Amino acid sequence: MQSTLGATLLISVERIAATALGALAGALLANYFTGNLLVFAAAVFALGLLCAGFRMEKSAYRYASITLAIIVLIPRSNAAWIIAFHRFFEVSVGIVVALALAGVWPEHQPESANRAANNT
């Protein structure tokens, strides 16, 4: 969450995209390269290159890597694709709820800031 809805929206879109990248990479790794530390490290590096290539903020790289780690490193009873989809869905729902809250309940500026804005 940021102080304005516009700033929150920009970061939210990046977080959703980064989570999708991490979920996709995690599902692929968990299906085809189970338990390989070098492949996991290469995937984290590749996510960094993708995020840089898409000109995303550094926090997007962190979100993608966290999603990758959650899918690949945590033991699961379901298929990796299901876990990846659930992670993406959970994060997306959380972001939508946060955006709705920011839109319904905006942060109010102090009176001194309002007066200064009206005087200019």
PDB file of N, CA and C in Angstrom:
ATOM      1  N   MET A   1       0.842  -1.177   0.000  1.00  0.00           N
ATOM      2  CA  MET A   1       0.000   0.000   0.000  1.00  0.00           C
ATOM      3  C   MET A   1       0.887   1.240   0.000  1.00  0.00           C
ATOM      4  N   GLN A   2       0.475   2.200  -0.796  1.00  0.00           N
ATOM      5  CA  GLN A   2       1.147   3.486  -0.853  1.00  0.00           C
ATOM      6  C   GLN A   2       0.170   4.547  -0.356  1.00  0.00           C
ATOM      7  N   SER A   3       0.634   5.776  -0.278  1.00  0.00           N
ATOM      8  CA  SER A   3      -0.224   6.824   0.259  1.00  0.00           C
ATOM      9  C   SER A   3      -1.318   7.259  -0.711  1.00  0.00           C
ATOM     10  N   THR A   4      -1.150   7.009  -2.000  1.00  0.00           N
ATOM     11  CA  THR A   4      -2.193   7.360  -2.963  1.00  0.00           C
ATOM     12  C   THR A   4      -2.628   6.111  -3.729  1.00  0.00           C
ATOM     13  N   LEU A   5      -3.841   6.180  -4.265  1.00  0.00           N
ATOM     14  CA  LEU A   5      -4.369   5.051  -5.025  1.00  0.00           C
ATOM     15  C   LEU A   5      -3.565   4.839  -6.309  1.00  0.00           C
ATOM     16  N   GLY A   6      -3.127   5.927  -6.952  1.00  0.00           N
ATOM     17  CA  GLY A   6      -2.337   5.811  -8.178  1.00  0.00           C
ATOM     18  C   GLY A   6      -1.019   5.090  -7.960  1.00  0.00           C
ATOM     19  N   ALA A   7      -0.319   5.446  -6.887  1.00  0.00           N
ATOM     20  CA  ALA A   7       0.949   4.788  -6.572  1.00  0.00           C
ATOM     21  C   ALA A   7       0.723   3.329  -6.187  1.00  0.00           C
ATOM     22  N   THR A   8      -0.336   3.073  -5.464  1.00  0.00           N
ATOM     23  CA  THR A   8      -0.659   1.704  -5.069  1.00  0.00           C
ATOM     24  C   THR A   8      -0.990   0.859  -6.292  1.00  0.00           C
ATOM     25  N   LEU A   9      -1.700   1.434  -7.261  1.00  0.00           N
ATOM     26  CA  LEU A   9      -2.083   0.707  -8.466  1.00  0.00           C
ATOM     27  C   LEU A   9      -0.860   0.277  -9.265  1.00  0.00           C
ATOM     28  N   LEU A  10       0.098   1.173  -9.423  1.00  0.00           N
ATOM     29  CA  LEU A  10       1.316   0.850 -10.174  1.00  0.00           C
ATOM     30  C   LEU A  10       2.079  -0.303  -9.525  1.00  0.00           C
ATOM     31  N   ILE A  11       2.272  -0.242  -8.235  1.00  0.00           N
ATOM     32  CA  ILE A  11       2.993  -1.300  -7.523  1.00  0.00           C
ATOM     33  C   ILE A  11       2.198  -2.604  -7.547  1.00  0.00           C
ATOM     34  N   SER A  12       0.882  -2.500  -7.475  1.00  0.00           N
ATOM     35  CA  SER A  12       0.038  -3.694  -7.487  1.00  0.00           C
ATOM     36  C   SER A  12       0.141  -4.451  -8.803  1.00  0.00           C
ATOM     37  N   VAL A  13       0.134  -3.725  -9.907  1.00  0.00           N
ATOM     38  CA  VAL A  13       0.256  -4.369 -11.214  1.00  0.00           C
ATOM     39  C   VAL A  13       1.597  -5.082 -11.320  1.00  0.00           C
ATOM     40  N   GLU A  14       2.656  -4.448 -10.850  1.00  0.00           N
ATOM     41  CA  GLU A  14       3.966  -5.096 -10.885  1.00  0.00           C
ATOM     42  C   GLU A  14       4.009  -6.325  -9.995  1.00  0.00           C
ATOM     43  N   ARG A  15       3.379  -6.247  -8.855  1.00  0.00           N
ATOM     44  CA  ARG A  15       3.400  -7.403  -7.955  1.00  0.00           C
ATOM     45  C   ARG A  15       2.628  -8.572  -8.549  1.00  0.00           C
ATOM     46  N   ILE A  16       1.502  -8.300  -9.176  1.00  0.00           N
ATOM     47  CA  ILE A  16       0.741  -9.375  -9.818  1.00  0.00           C
ATOM     48  C   ILE A  16       1.566 -10.002 -10.939  1.00  0.00           C
ATOM     49  N   ALA A  17       2.207  -9.171 -11.762  1.00  0.00           N
ATOM     50  CA  ALA A  17       3.033  -9.692 -12.861  1.00  0.00           C
ATOM     51  C   ALA A  17       4.220 -10.490 -12.321  1.00  0.00           C
ATOM     52  N   ALA A  18       4.855  -9.993 -11.278  1.00  0.00           N
ATOM     53  CA  ALA A  18       5.998 -10.699 -10.700  1.00  0.00           C
ATOM     54  C   ALA A  18       5.573 -12.017 -10.077  1.00  0.00           C
ATOM     55  N   THR A  19       4.430 -12.029  -9.429  1.00  0.00           N
ATOM     56  CA  THR A  19       3.921 -13.274  -8.850  1.00  0.00           C
ATOM     57  C   THR A  19       3.605 -14.282  -9.952  1.00  0.00           C
ATOM     58  N   ALA A  20       3.063 -13.812 -11.056  1.00  0.00           N
ATOM     59  CA  ALA A  20       2.783 -14.711 -12.184  1.00  0.00           C
ATOM     60  C   ALA A  20       4.079 -15.297 -12.736  1.00  0.00           C
ATOM     61  N   LEU A  21       5.120 -14.466 -12.880  1.00  0.00           N
ATOM     62  CA  LEU A  21       6.425 -14.972 -13.346  1.00  0.00           C
ATOM     63  C   LEU A  21       6.989 -16.015 -12.388  1.00  0.00           C
ATOM     64  N   GLY A  22       6.959 -15.709 -11.101  1.00  0.00           N
ATOM     65  CA  GLY A  22       7.480 -16.640 -10.103  1.00  0.00           C
ATOM     66  C   GLY A  22       6.684 -17.933 -10.043  1.00  0.00           C
ATOM     67  N   ALA A  23       5.360 -17.826 -10.180  1.00  0.00           N
ATOM     68  CA  ALA A  23       4.512 -19.025 -10.149  1.00  0.00           C
ATOM     69  C   ALA A  23       4.775 -19.901 -11.365  1.00  0.00           C
ATOM     70  N   LEU A  24       4.903 -19.288 -12.520  1.00  0.00           N
ATOM     71  CA  LEU A  24       5.187 -20.052 -13.739  1.00  0.00           C
ATOM     72  C   LEU A  24       6.548 -20.739 -13.636  1.00  0.00           C
ATOM     73  N   ALA A  25       7.558 -19.997 -13.210  1.00  0.00           N
ATOM     74  CA  ALA A  25       8.890 -20.583 -13.060  1.00  0.00           C
ATOM     75  C   ALA A  25       8.889 -21.686 -12.003  1.00  0.00           C
ATOM     76  N   GLY A  26       8.184 -21.457 -10.907  1.00  0.00           N
ATOM     77  CA  GLY A  26       8.122 -22.459  -9.844  1.00  0.00           C
ATOM     78  C   GLY A  26       7.440 -23.742 -10.287  1.00  0.00           C
ATOM     79  N   ALA A  27       6.348 -23.607 -11.038  1.00  0.00           N
ATOM     80  CA  ALA A  27       5.646 -24.797 -11.527  1.00  0.00           C
ATOM     81  C   ALA A  27       6.524 -25.581 -12.500  1.00  0.00           C
ATOM     82  N   LEU A  28       7.222 -24.885 -13.380  1.00  0.00           N
ATOM     83  CA  LEU A  28       8.123 -25.569 -14.323  1.00  0.00           C
ATOM     84  C   LEU A  28       9.261 -26.271 -13.592  1.00  0.00           C
ATOM     85  N   LEU A  29       9.889 -25.572 -12.649  1.00  0.00           N
ATOM     86  CA  LEU A  29      10.997 -26.173 -11.914  1.00  0.00           C
ATOM     87  C   LEU A  29      10.559 -27.366 -11.083  1.00  0.00           C
ATOM     88  N   ALA A  30       9.428 -27.231 -10.396  1.00  0.00           N
ATOM     89  CA  ALA A  30       8.963 -28.317  -9.537  1.00  0.00           C
ATOM     90  C   ALA A  30       8.583 -29.554 -10.346  1.00  0.00           C
ATOM     91  N   ASN A  31       8.136 -29.361 -11.575  1.00  0.00           N
ATOM     92  CA  ASN A  31       7.762 -30.506 -12.409  1.00  0.00           C
ATOM     93  C   ASN A  31       8.954 -31.171 -13.074  1.00  0.00           C
ATOM     94  N   TYR A  32       9.913 -30.383 -13.510  1.00  0.00           N
ATOM     95  CA  TYR A  32      10.990 -30.935 -14.336  1.00  0.00           C
ATOM     96  C   TYR A  32      12.354 -31.029 -13.656  1.00  0.00           C
ATOM     97  N   PHE A  33      12.594 -30.273 -12.597  1.00  0.00           N
ATOM     98  CA  PHE A  33      13.918 -30.258 -11.949  1.00  0.00           C
ATOM     99  C   PHE A  33      13.781 -30.346 -10.439  1.00  0.00           C
ATOM    100  N   THR A  34      13.173 -31.375  -9.955  1.00  0.00           N
ATOM    101  CA  THR A  34      12.924 -31.518  -8.522  1.00  0.00           C
ATOM    102  C   THR A  34      14.223 -31.626  -7.735  1.00  0.00           C
ATOM    103  N   GLY A  35      14.379 -30.763  -6.744  1.00  0.00           N
ATOM    104  CA  GLY A  35      15.491 -30.844  -5.815  1.00  0.00           C
ATOM    105  C   GLY A  35      16.856 -30.462  -6.350  1.00  0.00           C
ATOM    106  N   ASN A  36      16.950 -29.734  -7.428  1.00  0.00           N
ATOM    107  CA  ASN A  36      18.237 -29.343  -7.998  1.00  0.00           C
ATOM    108  C   ASN A  36      18.553 -27.906  -7.599  1.00  0.00           C
ATOM    109  N   LEU A  37      19.530 -27.748  -6.713  1.00  0.00           N
ATOM    110  CA  LEU A  37      19.890 -26.436  -6.180  1.00  0.00           C
ATOM    111  C   LEU A  37      20.456 -25.510  -7.257  1.00  0.00           C
ATOM    112  N   LEU A  38      21.247 -26.043  -8.170  1.00  0.00           N
ATOM    113  CA  LEU A  38      21.820 -25.203  -9.224  1.00  0.00           C
ATOM    114  C   LEU A  38      20.741 -24.678 -10.170  1.00  0.00           C
ATOM    115  N   VAL A  39      19.765 -25.485 -10.478  1.00  0.00           N
ATOM    116  CA  VAL A  39      18.667 -25.040 -11.343  1.00  0.00           C
ATOM    117  C   VAL A  39      17.833 -23.991 -10.615  1.00  0.00           C
ATOM    118  N   PHE A  40      17.628 -24.175  -9.315  1.00  0.00           N
ATOM    119  CA  PHE A  40      16.895 -23.184  -8.523  1.00  0.00           C
ATOM    120  C   PHE A  40      17.636 -21.844  -8.546  1.00  0.00           C
ATOM    121  N   ALA A  41      18.942 -21.865  -8.333  1.00  0.00           N
ATOM    122  CA  ALA A  41      19.739 -20.634  -8.362  1.00  0.00           C
ATOM    123  C   ALA A  41      19.699 -19.984  -9.746  1.00  0.00           C
ATOM    124  N   ALA A  42      19.774 -20.800 -10.787  1.00  0.00           N
ATOM    125  CA  ALA A  42      19.695 -20.264 -12.147  1.00  0.00           C
ATOM    126  C   ALA A  42      18.320 -19.647 -12.412  1.00  0.00           C
ATOM    127  N   ALA A  43      17.275 -20.237 -11.863  1.00  0.00           N
ATOM    128  CA  ALA A  43      15.928 -19.693 -12.041  1.00  0.00           C
ATOM    129  C   ALA A  43      15.772 -18.350 -11.337  1.00  0.00           C
ATOM    130  N   VAL A  44      16.344 -18.224 -10.145  1.00  0.00           N
ATOM    131  CA  VAL A  44      16.305 -16.939  -9.434  1.00  0.00           C
ATOM    132  C   VAL A  44      17.038 -15.880 -10.248  1.00  0.00           C
ATOM    133  N   PHE A  45      18.187 -16.245 -10.799  1.00  0.00           N
ATOM    134  CA  PHE A  45      18.948 -15.323 -11.643  1.00  0.00           C
ATOM    135  C   PHE A  45      18.152 -14.948 -12.897  1.00  0.00           C
ATOM    136  N   ALA A  46      17.521 -15.938 -13.532  1.00  0.00           N
ATOM    137  CA  ALA A  46      16.720 -15.688 -14.735  1.00  0.00           C
ATOM    138  C   ALA A  46      15.532 -14.778 -14.425  1.00  0.00           C
ATOM    139  N   LEU A  47      14.917 -14.949 -13.258  1.00  0.00           N
ATOM    140  CA  LEU A  47      13.829 -14.059 -12.861  1.00  0.00           C
ATOM    141  C   LEU A  47      14.328 -12.622 -12.738  1.00  0.00           C
ATOM    142  N   GLY A  48      15.527 -12.462 -12.204  1.00  0.00           N
ATOM    143  CA  GLY A  48      16.119 -11.126 -12.109  1.00  0.00           C
ATOM    144  C   GLY A  48      16.319 -10.502 -13.475  1.00  0.00           C
ATOM    145  N   LEU A  49      16.792 -11.305 -14.428  1.00  0.00           N
ATOM    146  CA  LEU A  49      16.975 -10.797 -15.786  1.00  0.00           C
ATOM    147  C   LEU A  49      15.637 -10.438 -16.435  1.00  0.00           C
ATOM    148  N   LEU A  50      14.626 -11.282 -16.229  1.00  0.00           N
ATOM    149  CA  LEU A  50      13.302 -10.993 -16.784  1.00  0.00           C
ATOM    150  C   LEU A  50      12.711  -9.711 -16.202  1.00  0.00           C
ATOM    151  N   CYS A  51      12.811  -9.568 -14.892  1.00  0.00           N
ATOM    152  CA  CYS A  51      12.280  -8.360 -14.252  1.00  0.00           C
ATOM    153  C   CYS A  51      13.025  -7.114 -14.739  1.00  0.00           C
ATOM    154  N   ALA A  52      14.327  -7.220 -14.894  1.00  0.00           N
ATOM    155  CA  ALA A  52      15.099  -6.091 -15.423  1.00  0.00           C
ATOM    156  C   ALA A  52      14.731  -5.822 -16.875  1.00  0.00           C
ATOM    157  N   GLY A  53      14.537  -6.875 -17.650  1.00  0.00           N
ATOM    158  CA  GLY A  53      14.159  -6.724 -19.047  1.00  0.00           C
ATOM    159  C   GLY A  53      12.799  -6.070 -19.218  1.00  0.00           C
ATOM    160  N   PHE A  54      11.873  -6.346 -18.300  1.00  0.00           N
ATOM    161  CA  PHE A  54      10.554  -5.731 -18.336  1.00  0.00           C
ATOM    162  C   PHE A  54      10.521  -4.375 -17.634  1.00  0.00           C
ATOM    163  N   ARG A  55      11.689  -3.936 -17.161  1.00  0.00           N
ATOM    164  CA  ARG A  55      11.845  -2.639 -16.478  1.00  0.00           C
ATOM    165  C   ARG A  55      10.951  -2.537 -15.239  1.00  0.00           C
ATOM    166  N   MET A  56      10.925  -3.626 -14.473  1.00  0.00           N
ATOM    167  CA  MET A  56      10.157  -3.647 -13.233  1.00  0.00           C
ATOM    168  C   MET A  56      11.027  -3.133 -12.089  1.00  0.00           C
ATOM    169  N   GLU A  57      10.387  -2.724 -11.022  1.00  0.00           N
ATOM    170  CA  GLU A  57      11.102  -2.291  -9.822  1.00  0.00           C
ATOM    171  C   GLU A  57      11.826  -3.491  -9.199  1.00  0.00           C
ATOM    172  N   LYS A  58      12.800  -3.201  -8.347  1.00  0.00           N
ATOM    173  CA  LYS A  58      13.533  -4.285  -7.677  1.00  0.00           C
ATOM    174  C   LYS A  58      12.619  -5.118  -6.786  1.00  0.00           C
ATOM    175  N   SER A  59      11.577  -4.506  -6.261  1.00  0.00           N
ATOM    176  CA  SER A  59      10.658  -5.264  -5.410  1.00  0.00           C
ATOM    177  C   SER A  59       9.943  -6.359  -6.207  1.00  0.00           C
ATOM    178  N   ALA A  60       9.729  -6.150  -7.499  1.00  0.00           N
ATOM    179  CA  ALA A  60       9.095  -7.177  -8.330  1.00  0.00           C
ATOM    180  C   ALA A  60       9.973  -8.421  -8.398  1.00  0.00           C
ATOM    181  N   TYR A  61      11.271  -8.218  -8.501  1.00  0.00           N
ATOM    182  CA  TYR A  61      12.206  -9.350  -8.502  1.00  0.00           C
ATOM    183  C   TYR A  61      12.105 -10.120  -7.191  1.00  0.00           C
ATOM    184  N   ARG A  62      11.986  -9.400  -6.100  1.00  0.00           N
ATOM    185  CA  ARG A  62      11.856 -10.041  -4.789  1.00  0.00           C
ATOM    186  C   ARG A  62      10.560 -10.849  -4.724  1.00  0.00           C
ATOM    187  N   TYR A  63       9.443 -10.284  -5.197  1.00  0.00           N
ATOM    188  CA  TYR A  63       8.164 -10.994  -5.171  1.00  0.00           C
ATOM    189  C   TYR A  63       8.202 -12.249  -6.042  1.00  0.00           C
ATOM    190  N   ALA A  64       8.800 -12.143  -7.210  1.00  0.00           N
ATOM    191  CA  ALA A  64       8.905 -13.304  -8.102  1.00  0.00           C
ATOM    192  C   ALA A  64       9.749 -14.402  -7.460  1.00  0.00           C
ATOM    193  N   SER A  65      10.845 -14.011  -6.838  1.00  0.00           N
ATOM    194  CA  SER A  65      11.730 -14.995  -6.193  1.00  0.00           C
ATOM    195  C   SER A  65      11.068 -15.654  -4.994  1.00  0.00           C
ATOM    196  N   ILE A  66      10.324 -14.884  -4.231  1.00  0.00           N
ATOM    197  CA  ILE A  66       9.616 -15.454  -3.075  1.00  0.00           C
ATOM    198  C   ILE A  66       8.572 -16.462  -3.543  1.00  0.00           C
ATOM    199  N   THR A  67       7.829 -16.116  -4.583  1.00  0.00           N
ATOM    200  CA  THR A  67       6.833 -17.038  -5.123  1.00  0.00           C
ATOM    201  C   THR A  67       7.495 -18.317  -5.630  1.00  0.00           C
ATOM    202  N   LEU A  68       8.588 -18.156  -6.335  1.00  0.00           N
ATOM    203  CA  LEU A  68       9.351 -19.320  -6.808  1.00  0.00           C
ATOM    204  C   LEU A  68       9.760 -20.207  -5.636  1.00  0.00           C
ATOM    205  N   ALA A  69      10.320 -19.609  -4.603  1.00  0.00           N
ATOM    206  CA  ALA A  69      10.781 -20.381  -3.443  1.00  0.00           C
ATOM    207  C   ALA A  69       9.626 -21.094  -2.741  1.00  0.00           C
ATOM    208  N   ILE A  70       8.491 -20.421  -2.603  1.00  0.00           N
ATOM    209  CA  ILE A  70       7.339 -21.041  -1.943  1.00  0.00           C
ATOM    210  C   ILE A  70       6.886 -22.277  -2.711  1.00  0.00           C
ATOM    211  N   ILE A  71       6.845 -22.175  -4.014  1.00  0.00           N
ATOM    212  CA  ILE A  71       6.354 -23.297  -4.822  1.00  0.00           C
ATOM    213  C   ILE A  71       7.359 -24.445  -4.872  1.00  0.00           C
ATOM    214  N   VAL A  72       8.634 -24.122  -4.990  1.00  0.00           N
ATOM    215  CA  VAL A  72       9.658 -25.150  -5.184  1.00  0.00           C
ATOM    216  C   VAL A  72      10.118 -25.763  -3.857  1.00  0.00           C
ATOM    217  N   LEU A  73      10.286 -24.975  -2.826  1.00  0.00           N
ATOM    218  CA  LEU A  73      10.948 -25.453  -1.614  1.00  0.00           C
ATOM    219  C   LEU A  73      10.020 -26.007  -0.541  1.00  0.00           C
ATOM    220  N   ILE A  74       8.750 -25.671  -0.580  1.00  0.00           N
ATOM    221  CA  ILE A  74       7.846 -26.147   0.462  1.00  0.00           C
ATOM    222  C   ILE A  74       7.226 -27.471   0.015  1.00  0.00           C
ATOM    223  N   PRO A  75       7.283 -28.504   0.878  1.00  0.00           N
ATOM    224  CA  PRO A  75       6.673 -29.797   0.517  1.00  0.00           C
ATOM    225  C   PRO A  75       5.174 -29.633   0.276  1.00  0.00           C
ATOM    226  N   ARG A  76       4.663 -30.369  -0.693  1.00  0.00           N
ATOM    227  CA  ARG A  76       3.259 -30.221  -1.069  1.00  0.00           C
ATOM    228  C   ARG A  76       2.654 -31.594  -1.365  1.00  0.00           C
ATOM    229  N   SER A  77       1.342 -31.653  -1.246  1.00  0.00           N
ATOM    230  CA  SER A  77       0.644 -32.897  -1.577  1.00  0.00           C
ATOM    231  C   SER A  77      -0.036 -32.800  -2.940  1.00  0.00           C
ATOM    232  N   ASN A  78      -0.210 -31.589  -3.456  1.00  0.00           N
ATOM    233  CA  ASN A  78      -0.830 -31.390  -4.776  1.00  0.00           C
ATOM    234  C   ASN A  78       0.240 -31.164  -5.831  1.00  0.00           C
ATOM    235  N   ALA A  79      -0.183 -31.154  -7.082  1.00  0.00           N
ATOM    236  CA  ALA A  79       0.734 -30.886  -8.191  1.00  0.00           C
ATOM    237  C   ALA A  79       1.245 -29.452  -8.109  1.00  0.00           C
ATOM    238  N   ALA A  80       2.432 -29.238  -8.626  1.00  0.00           N
ATOM    239  CA  ALA A  80       3.050 -27.914  -8.564  1.00  0.00           C
ATOM    240  C   ALA A  80       2.215 -26.863  -9.284  1.00  0.00           C
ATOM    241  N   TRP A  81       1.548 -27.243 -10.366  1.00  0.00           N
ATOM    242  CA  TRP A  81       0.718 -26.287 -11.100  1.00  0.00           C
ATOM    243  C   TRP A  81      -0.441 -25.787 -10.250  1.00  0.00           C
ATOM    244  N   ILE A  82      -0.987 -26.673  -9.443  1.00  0.00           N
ATOM    245  CA  ILE A  82      -2.090 -26.272  -8.561  1.00  0.00           C
ATOM    246  C   ILE A  82      -1.591 -25.320  -7.489  1.00  0.00           C
ATOM    247  N   ILE A  83      -0.454 -25.631  -6.899  1.00  0.00           N
ATOM    248  CA  ILE A  83       0.127 -24.759  -5.875  1.00  0.00           C
ATOM    249  C   ILE A  83       0.470 -23.398  -6.476  1.00  0.00           C
ATOM    250  N   ALA A  84       1.030 -23.393  -7.682  1.00  0.00           N
ATOM    251  CA  ALA A  84       1.389 -22.136  -8.353  1.00  0.00           C
ATOM    252  C   ALA A  84       0.140 -21.296  -8.625  1.00  0.00           C
ATOM    253  N   PHE A  85      -0.919 -21.947  -9.108  1.00  0.00           N
ATOM    254  CA  PHE A  85      -2.153 -21.207  -9.363  1.00  0.00           C
ATOM    255  C   PHE A  85      -2.737 -20.658  -8.068  1.00  0.00           C
ATOM    256  N   HIS A  86      -2.753 -21.461  -7.019  1.00  0.00           N
ATOM    257  CA  HIS A  86      -3.287 -20.998  -5.733  1.00  0.00           C
ATOM    258  C   HIS A  86      -2.499 -19.807  -5.205  1.00  0.00           C
ATOM    259  N   ARG A  87      -1.184 -19.871  -5.295  1.00  0.00           N
ATOM    260  CA  ARG A  87      -0.357 -18.755  -4.828  1.00  0.00           C
ATOM    261  C   ARG A  87      -0.671 -17.488  -5.623  1.00  0.00           C
ATOM    262  N   PHE A  88      -0.729 -17.611  -6.948  1.00  0.00           N
ATOM    263  CA  PHE A  88      -1.054 -16.457  -7.787  1.00  0.00           C
ATOM    264  C   PHE A  88      -2.432 -15.908  -7.443  1.00  0.00           C
ATOM    265  N   PHE A  89      -3.413 -16.786  -7.298  1.00  0.00           N
ATOM    266  CA  PHE A  89      -4.775 -16.364  -6.988  1.00  0.00           C
ATOM    267  C   PHE A  89      -4.848 -15.677  -5.628  1.00  0.00           C
ATOM    268  N   GLU A  90      -4.193 -16.245  -4.617  1.00  0.00           N
ATOM    269  CA  GLU A  90      -4.217 -15.663  -3.274  1.00  0.00           C
ATOM    270  C   GLU A  90      -3.608 -14.264  -3.262  1.00  0.00           C
ATOM    271  N   VAL A  91      -2.468 -14.109  -3.911  1.00  0.00           N
ATOM    272  CA  VAL A  91      -1.808 -12.802  -3.956  1.00  0.00           C
ATOM    273  C   VAL A  91      -2.677 -11.812  -4.724  1.00  0.00           C
ATOM    274  N   SER A  92      -3.246 -12.239  -5.824  1.00  0.00           N
ATOM    275  CA  SER A  92      -4.082 -11.346  -6.638  1.00  0.00           C
ATOM    276  C   SER A  92      -5.321 -10.891  -5.872  1.00  0.00           C
ATOM    277  N   VAL A  93      -5.963 -11.800  -5.167  1.00  0.00           N
ATOM    278  CA  VAL A  93      -7.136 -11.425  -4.379  1.00  0.00           C
ATOM    279  C   VAL A  93      -6.744 -10.438  -3.281  1.00  0.00           C
ATOM    280  N   GLY A  94      -5.629 -10.672  -2.638  1.00  0.00           N
ATOM    281  CA  GLY A  94      -5.155  -9.743  -1.612  1.00  0.00           C
ATOM    282  C   GLY A  94      -4.895  -8.353  -2.164  1.00  0.00           C
ATOM    283  N   ILE A  95      -4.321  -8.291  -3.350  1.00  0.00           N
ATOM    284  CA  ILE A  95      -4.041  -6.998  -3.974  1.00  0.00           C
ATOM    285  C   ILE A  95      -5.337  -6.292  -4.352  1.00  0.00           C
ATOM    286  N   VAL A  96      -6.293  -7.015  -4.906  1.00  0.00           N
ATOM    287  CA  VAL A  96      -7.571  -6.413  -5.284  1.00  0.00           C
ATOM    288  C   VAL A  96      -8.300  -5.871  -4.051  1.00  0.00           C
ATOM    289  N   VAL A  97      -8.279  -6.623  -2.956  1.00  0.00           N
ATOM    290  CA  VAL A  97      -8.913  -6.170  -1.719  1.00  0.00           C
ATOM    291  C   VAL A  97      -8.207  -4.913  -1.206  1.00  0.00           C
ATOM    292  N   ALA A  98      -6.884  -4.900  -1.251  1.00  0.00           N
ATOM    293  CA  ALA A  98      -6.137  -3.721  -0.799  1.00  0.00           C
ATOM    294  C   ALA A  98      -6.438  -2.503  -1.670  1.00  0.00           C
ATOM    295  N   LEU A  99      -6.544  -2.695  -2.982  1.00  0.00           N
ATOM    296  CA  LEU A  99      -6.891  -1.591  -3.877  1.00  0.00           C
ATOM    297  C   LEU A  99      -8.300  -1.076  -3.599  1.00  0.00           C
ATOM    298  N   ALA A 100      -9.230  -1.986  -3.364  1.00  0.00           N
ATOM    299  CA  ALA A 100     -10.594  -1.569  -3.039  1.00  0.00           C
ATOM    300  C   ALA A 100     -10.618  -0.770  -1.746  1.00  0.00           C
ATOM    301  N   LEU A 101      -9.881  -1.222  -0.765  1.00  0.00           N
ATOM    302  CA  LEU A 101      -9.809  -0.508   0.506  1.00  0.00           C
ATOM    303  C   LEU A 101      -9.187   0.874   0.326  1.00  0.00           C
ATOM    304  N   ALA A 102      -8.123   0.962  -0.466  1.00  0.00           N
ATOM    305  CA  ALA A 102      -7.484   2.258  -0.713  1.00  0.00           C
ATOM    306  C   ALA A 102      -8.423   3.193  -1.471  1.00  0.00           C
ATOM    307  N   GLY A 103      -9.251   2.642  -2.351  1.00  0.00           N
ATOM    308  CA  GLY A 103     -10.196   3.471  -3.085  1.00  0.00           C
ATOM    309  C   GLY A 103     -11.363   3.945  -2.231  1.00  0.00           C
ATOM    310  N   VAL A 104     -11.844   3.075  -1.347  1.00  0.00           N
ATOM    311  CA  VAL A 104     -12.981   3.419  -0.493  1.00  0.00           C
ATOM    312  C   VAL A 104     -12.563   4.287   0.686  1.00  0.00           C
ATOM    313  N   TRP A 105     -11.364   4.056   1.190  1.00  0.00           N
ATOM    314  CA  TRP A 105     -10.905   4.737   2.390  1.00  0.00           C
ATOM    315  C   TRP A 105      -9.568   5.416   2.103  1.00  0.00           C
ATOM    316  N   PRO A 106      -9.571   6.506   1.323  1.00  0.00           N
ATOM    317  CA  PRO A 106      -8.306   7.160   0.957  1.00  0.00           C
ATOM    318  C   PRO A 106      -7.656   7.833   2.157  1.00  0.00           C
ATOM    319  N   GLU A 107      -6.362   7.982   2.063  1.00  0.00           N
ATOM    320  CA  GLU A 107      -5.609   8.655   3.120  1.00  0.00           C
ATOM    321  C   GLU A 107      -5.881  10.151   3.021  1.00  0.00           C
ATOM    322  N   HIS A 108      -6.206  10.750   4.145  1.00  0.00           N
ATOM    323  CA  HIS A 108      -6.480  12.191   4.154  1.00  0.00           C
ATOM    324  C   HIS A 108      -5.205  12.955   4.450  1.00  0.00           C
ATOM    325  N   GLN A 109      -5.059  14.096   3.761  1.00  0.00           N
ATOM    326  CA  GLN A 109      -3.894  14.936   3.995  1.00  0.00           C
ATOM    327  C   GLN A 109      -4.164  15.833   5.190  1.00  0.00           C
ATOM    328  N   PRO A 110      -3.112  16.196   5.943  1.00  0.00           N
ATOM    329  CA  PRO A 110      -3.294  17.117   7.067  1.00  0.00           C
ATOM    330  C   PRO A 110      -3.820  18.468   6.568  1.00  0.00           C
ATOM    331  N   GLU A 111      -4.478  19.217   7.443  1.00  0.00           N
ATOM    332  CA  GLU A 111      -5.040  20.522   7.095  1.00  0.00           C
ATOM    333  C   GLU A 111      -3.987  21.478   6.549  1.00  0.00           C
ATOM    334  N   SER A 112      -2.784  21.474   7.100  1.00  0.00           N
ATOM    335  CA  SER A 112      -1.740  22.389   6.631  1.00  0.00           C
ATOM    336  C   SER A 112      -1.364  22.103   5.183  1.00  0.00           C
ATOM    337  N   ALA A 113      -1.369  20.852   4.779  1.00  0.00           N
ATOM    338  CA  ALA A 113      -1.068  20.501   3.400  1.00  0.00           C
ATOM    339  C   ALA A 113      -2.200  20.936   2.483  1.00  0.00           C
ATOM    340  N   ASN A 114      -3.443  20.812   2.939  1.00  0.00           N
ATOM    341  CA  ASN A 114      -4.586  21.253   2.141  1.00  0.00           C
ATOM    342  C   ASN A 114      -4.557  22.763   1.921  1.00  0.00           C
ATOM    343  N   ARG A 115      -4.233  23.528   2.985  1.00  0.00           N
ATOM    344  CA  ARG A 115      -4.163  24.979   2.853  1.00  0.00           C
ATOM    345  C   ARG A 115      -3.042  25.399   1.917  1.00  0.00           C
ATOM    346  N   ALA A 116      -1.902  24.715   1.999  1.00  0.00           N
ATOM    347  CA  ALA A 116      -0.769  25.043   1.141  1.00  0.00           C
ATOM    348  C   ALA A 116      -1.110  24.745  -0.316  1.00  0.00           C
ATOM    349  N   ALA A 117      -1.842  23.669  -0.569  1.00  0.00           N
ATOM    350  CA  ALA A 117      -2.224  23.316  -1.933  1.00  0.00           C
ATOM    351  C   ALA A 117      -3.244  24.327  -2.479  1.00  0.00           C
ATOM    352  N   ASN A 118      -4.131  24.812  -1.631  1.00  0.00           N
ATOM    353  CA  ASN A 118      -5.123  25.786  -2.082  1.00  0.00           C
ATOM    354  C   ASN A 118      -4.523  27.164  -2.328  1.00  0.00           C
ATOM    355  N   ASN A 119      -3.436  27.517  -1.656  1.00  0.00           N
ATOM    356  CA  ASN A 119      -2.799  28.820  -1.811  1.00  0.00           C
ATOM    357  C   ASN A 119      -1.948  28.920  -3.061  1.00  0.00           C
ATOM    358  N   THR A 120      -1.611  27.802  -3.685  1.00  0.00           N
ATOM    359  CA  THR A 120      -0.759  27.861  -4.867  1.00  0.00           C
ATOM    360  C   THR A 120      -1.537  27.939  -6.131  1.00  0.00           C
TER     361      THR A 120
END
